């Protein structure tokens, strides 16, 4: 069964909430939880993470700082947005 964008978004929010406000997760954690062949999901996970960040639900972080996913290069982490 194909993984939907809605399932990706739901999993991102679920994992970020489970980790709590001061913890992060790797996008690969999301992909691994959705498919055995998870590597192919990584661009979609990053894309949906960017959308959630744009909506203010999560933050994209590098080196502990919030970054714009459009300009971020290299590994990123996902966290609940600080409100």
N, C-alpha and C. Protein backbone atom coordinates (compact mmCIF):
# COMPACT_ATOMS: atom_id res chain seq x y z
N UNK A 1 0.84 -1.18 0.00
CA UNK A 1 0.00 0.00 0.00
C UNK A 1 0.89 1.25 0.00
N UNK A 2 0.51 2.21 -0.78
CA UNK A 2 1.30 3.44 -0.91
C UNK A 2 1.14 4.31 0.34
N UNK A 3 2.19 4.98 0.70
CA UNK A 3 2.19 5.90 1.84
C UNK A 3 1.69 7.25 1.34
N UNK A 4 0.66 7.77 2.00
CA UNK A 4 0.10 9.06 1.59
C UNK A 4 0.82 10.22 2.28
N UNK A 5 0.68 11.39 1.68
CA UNK A 5 1.25 12.59 2.31
C UNK A 5 0.60 12.83 3.67
N UNK A 6 -0.70 12.53 3.79
CA UNK A 6 -1.39 12.69 5.07
C UNK A 6 -0.79 11.78 6.13
N UNK A 7 -0.43 10.55 5.76
CA UNK A 7 0.19 9.62 6.70
C UNK A 7 1.57 10.13 7.13
N UNK A 8 2.31 10.69 6.19
CA UNK A 8 3.62 11.25 6.52
C UNK A 8 3.47 12.40 7.50
N UNK A 9 2.55 13.31 7.21
CA UNK A 9 2.33 14.47 8.09
C UNK A 9 1.91 14.02 9.48
N UNK A 10 0.99 13.07 9.54
CA UNK A 10 0.50 12.58 10.83
C UNK A 10 1.64 11.94 11.63
N UNK A 11 2.49 11.19 10.96
CA UNK A 11 3.60 10.52 11.65
C UNK A 11 4.62 11.54 12.17
N UNK A 12 4.89 12.57 11.39
CA UNK A 12 5.81 13.63 11.83
C UNK A 12 5.30 14.26 13.12
N UNK A 13 4.04 14.66 13.11
CA UNK A 13 3.46 15.32 14.28
C UNK A 13 3.42 14.35 15.46
N UNK A 14 3.05 13.11 15.21
CA UNK A 14 2.98 12.10 16.27
C UNK A 14 4.34 11.91 16.95
N UNK A 15 5.37 11.72 16.15
CA UNK A 15 6.71 11.49 16.71
C UNK A 15 7.22 12.73 17.44
N UNK A 16 7.03 13.90 16.86
CA UNK A 16 7.48 15.13 17.51
C UNK A 16 6.76 15.33 18.84
N UNK A 17 5.47 15.08 18.89
CA UNK A 17 4.73 15.21 20.15
C UNK A 17 5.20 14.18 21.17
N UNK A 18 5.44 12.96 20.72
CA UNK A 18 5.89 11.90 21.63
C UNK A 18 7.26 12.24 22.23
N UNK A 19 8.10 12.88 21.46
CA UNK A 19 9.45 13.23 21.95
C UNK A 19 9.39 14.41 22.91
N UNK A 20 8.41 15.26 22.76
CA UNK A 20 8.27 16.41 23.65
C UNK A 20 8.88 17.66 23.09
N UNK A 21 8.65 18.78 23.76
CA UNK A 21 9.04 20.08 23.22
C UNK A 21 10.53 20.35 23.14
N UNK A 22 11.33 19.64 23.91
CA UNK A 22 12.77 19.92 23.92
C UNK A 22 13.60 18.88 23.18
N UNK A 23 12.95 17.95 22.51
CA UNK A 23 13.65 16.88 21.80
C UNK A 23 13.37 16.98 20.31
N UNK A 24 14.24 16.37 19.53
CA UNK A 24 14.07 16.36 18.08
C UNK A 24 14.06 14.92 17.58
N UNK A 25 13.70 14.78 16.30
CA UNK A 25 13.80 13.47 15.65
C UNK A 25 14.38 13.66 14.26
N UNK A 26 14.91 12.61 13.74
CA UNK A 26 15.48 12.61 12.40
C UNK A 26 14.37 12.27 11.40
N UNK A 27 14.35 12.92 10.25
CA UNK A 27 13.36 12.56 9.24
C UNK A 27 13.38 11.07 8.88
N UNK A 28 14.54 10.44 8.99
CA UNK A 28 14.60 9.00 8.69
C UNK A 28 13.80 8.18 9.70
N UNK A 29 13.65 8.68 10.94
CA UNK A 29 12.81 8.00 11.92
C UNK A 29 11.37 7.94 11.42
N UNK A 30 10.93 9.01 10.79
CA UNK A 30 9.57 9.07 10.24
C UNK A 30 9.44 8.06 9.11
N UNK A 31 10.36 8.11 8.16
CA UNK A 31 10.30 7.23 7.00
C UNK A 31 10.39 5.76 7.40
N UNK A 32 11.27 5.45 8.34
CA UNK A 32 11.43 4.05 8.78
C UNK A 32 10.15 3.50 9.41
N UNK A 33 9.39 4.37 10.05
CA UNK A 33 8.14 3.95 10.67
C UNK A 33 7.00 3.75 9.69
N UNK A 34 7.21 4.16 8.45
CA UNK A 34 6.15 4.09 7.46
C UNK A 34 6.36 3.03 6.37
N UNK A 35 7.61 2.64 6.14
CA UNK A 35 7.87 1.71 5.04
C UNK A 35 9.18 0.96 5.26
N UNK A 36 9.21 -0.29 4.83
CA UNK A 36 10.44 -1.06 4.89
C UNK A 36 11.49 -0.46 3.96
N UNK A 37 11.06 -0.04 2.78
CA UNK A 37 11.95 0.62 1.82
C UNK A 37 11.84 2.12 2.04
N UNK A 38 12.39 2.59 3.16
CA UNK A 38 12.16 3.94 3.64
C UNK A 38 12.96 5.01 2.92
N UNK A 39 14.06 4.65 2.31
CA UNK A 39 14.93 5.68 1.69
C UNK A 39 14.21 6.46 0.58
N UNK A 40 13.36 5.78 -0.15
CA UNK A 40 12.61 6.45 -1.22
C UNK A 40 11.61 7.47 -0.70
N UNK A 41 11.24 7.37 0.58
CA UNK A 41 10.30 8.32 1.17
C UNK A 41 10.95 9.61 1.66
N UNK A 42 12.26 9.62 1.76
CA UNK A 42 12.93 10.75 2.37
C UNK A 42 12.62 12.11 1.72
N UNK A 43 12.61 12.24 0.40
CA UNK A 43 12.26 13.55 -0.17
C UNK A 43 10.84 13.99 0.21
N UNK A 44 9.93 13.04 0.26
CA UNK A 44 8.55 13.37 0.63
C UNK A 44 8.44 13.74 2.11
N UNK A 45 9.20 13.05 2.96
CA UNK A 45 9.20 13.39 4.39
C UNK A 45 9.73 14.80 4.58
N UNK A 46 10.82 15.12 3.92
CA UNK A 46 11.38 16.48 4.01
C UNK A 46 10.37 17.51 3.48
N UNK A 47 9.71 17.18 2.39
CA UNK A 47 8.72 18.10 1.82
C UNK A 47 7.56 18.36 2.76
N UNK A 48 7.03 17.30 3.35
CA UNK A 48 5.91 17.46 4.28
C UNK A 48 6.37 18.15 5.56
N UNK A 49 7.59 17.89 6.00
CA UNK A 49 8.12 18.60 7.16
C UNK A 49 8.20 20.10 6.87
N UNK A 50 8.61 20.45 5.67
CA UNK A 50 8.65 21.86 5.28
C UNK A 50 7.28 22.50 5.31
N UNK A 51 6.27 21.77 4.86
CA UNK A 51 4.91 22.29 4.89
C UNK A 51 4.42 22.49 6.33
N UNK A 52 4.69 21.49 7.17
CA UNK A 52 4.30 21.61 8.58
C UNK A 52 5.02 22.76 9.26
N UNK A 53 6.27 22.96 8.92
CA UNK A 53 7.02 24.09 9.48
C UNK A 53 6.42 25.41 9.01
N UNK A 54 6.03 25.46 7.74
CA UNK A 54 5.40 26.66 7.21
C UNK A 54 4.07 26.98 7.88
N UNK A 55 3.40 25.95 8.37
CA UNK A 55 2.13 26.11 9.08
C UNK A 55 2.35 26.39 10.57
N UNK A 56 3.60 26.36 11.01
CA UNK A 56 3.91 26.65 12.40
C UNK A 56 3.72 25.48 13.35
N UNK A 57 3.55 24.26 12.82
CA UNK A 57 3.35 23.10 13.69
C UNK A 57 4.65 22.51 14.20
N UNK A 58 5.69 22.53 13.36
CA UNK A 58 6.99 22.00 13.76
C UNK A 58 8.07 22.99 13.35
N UNK A 59 9.28 22.72 13.80
CA UNK A 59 10.46 23.47 13.38
C UNK A 59 11.44 22.53 12.71
N UNK A 60 12.14 23.05 11.74
CA UNK A 60 13.26 22.36 11.12
C UNK A 60 14.51 22.92 11.79
N UNK A 61 15.36 22.05 12.32
CA UNK A 61 16.55 22.53 13.04
C UNK A 61 17.84 21.94 12.50
N UNK A 62 18.87 22.75 12.62
CA UNK A 62 20.25 22.32 12.38
C UNK A 62 21.09 22.95 13.48
N UNK A 63 21.91 22.14 14.10
CA UNK A 63 22.77 22.62 15.19
C UNK A 63 21.96 23.33 16.27
N UNK A 64 20.75 22.83 16.53
CA UNK A 64 19.91 23.37 17.59
C UNK A 64 19.15 24.64 17.25
N UNK A 65 19.32 25.15 16.04
CA UNK A 65 18.65 26.40 15.63
C UNK A 65 17.62 26.12 14.55
N UNK A 66 16.52 26.85 14.59
CA UNK A 66 15.50 26.75 13.54
C UNK A 66 16.07 27.27 12.23
N UNK A 67 15.82 26.52 11.14
CA UNK A 67 16.28 26.92 9.82
C UNK A 67 15.15 26.76 8.82
N UNK A 68 15.32 27.38 7.68
CA UNK A 68 14.38 27.25 6.57
C UNK A 68 14.78 26.02 5.78
N UNK A 69 13.85 25.09 5.61
CA UNK A 69 14.18 23.85 4.91
C UNK A 69 14.57 24.11 3.45
N UNK A 70 14.08 25.20 2.89
CA UNK A 70 14.41 25.50 1.50
C UNK A 70 15.88 25.82 1.30
N UNK A 71 16.52 26.31 2.35
CA UNK A 71 17.93 26.67 2.23
C UNK A 71 18.84 25.77 3.05
N UNK A 72 18.26 24.90 3.85
CA UNK A 72 19.06 24.00 4.70
C UNK A 72 19.77 22.96 3.83
N UNK A 73 21.04 22.75 4.11
CA UNK A 73 21.83 21.73 3.43
C UNK A 73 22.34 20.77 4.47
N UNK A 74 22.30 19.51 4.16
CA UNK A 74 22.79 18.52 5.10
C UNK A 74 21.70 18.03 6.03
N UNK A 75 22.12 17.32 7.08
CA UNK A 75 21.16 16.73 8.02
C UNK A 75 20.32 17.77 8.74
N UNK A 76 19.05 17.45 8.89
CA UNK A 76 18.13 18.29 9.64
C UNK A 76 17.49 17.46 10.74
N UNK A 77 16.88 18.13 11.69
CA UNK A 77 16.12 17.50 12.76
C UNK A 77 14.75 18.15 12.79
N UNK A 78 13.77 17.43 13.28
CA UNK A 78 12.40 17.94 13.38
C UNK A 78 12.02 18.05 14.85
N UNK A 79 11.30 19.12 15.19
CA UNK A 79 10.87 19.34 16.57
C UNK A 79 9.55 20.06 16.59
N UNK A 80 8.83 19.93 17.70
CA UNK A 80 7.62 20.73 17.87
C UNK A 80 7.99 22.20 17.81
N UNK A 81 7.11 22.99 17.23
CA UNK A 81 7.34 24.43 17.19
C UNK A 81 7.22 24.99 18.58
N UNK A 82 8.05 25.96 18.88
CA UNK A 82 7.98 26.65 20.16
C UNK A 82 6.99 27.80 20.02
N UNK A 83 5.93 27.73 20.77
CA UNK A 83 4.90 28.78 20.69
C UNK A 83 4.96 29.70 21.85
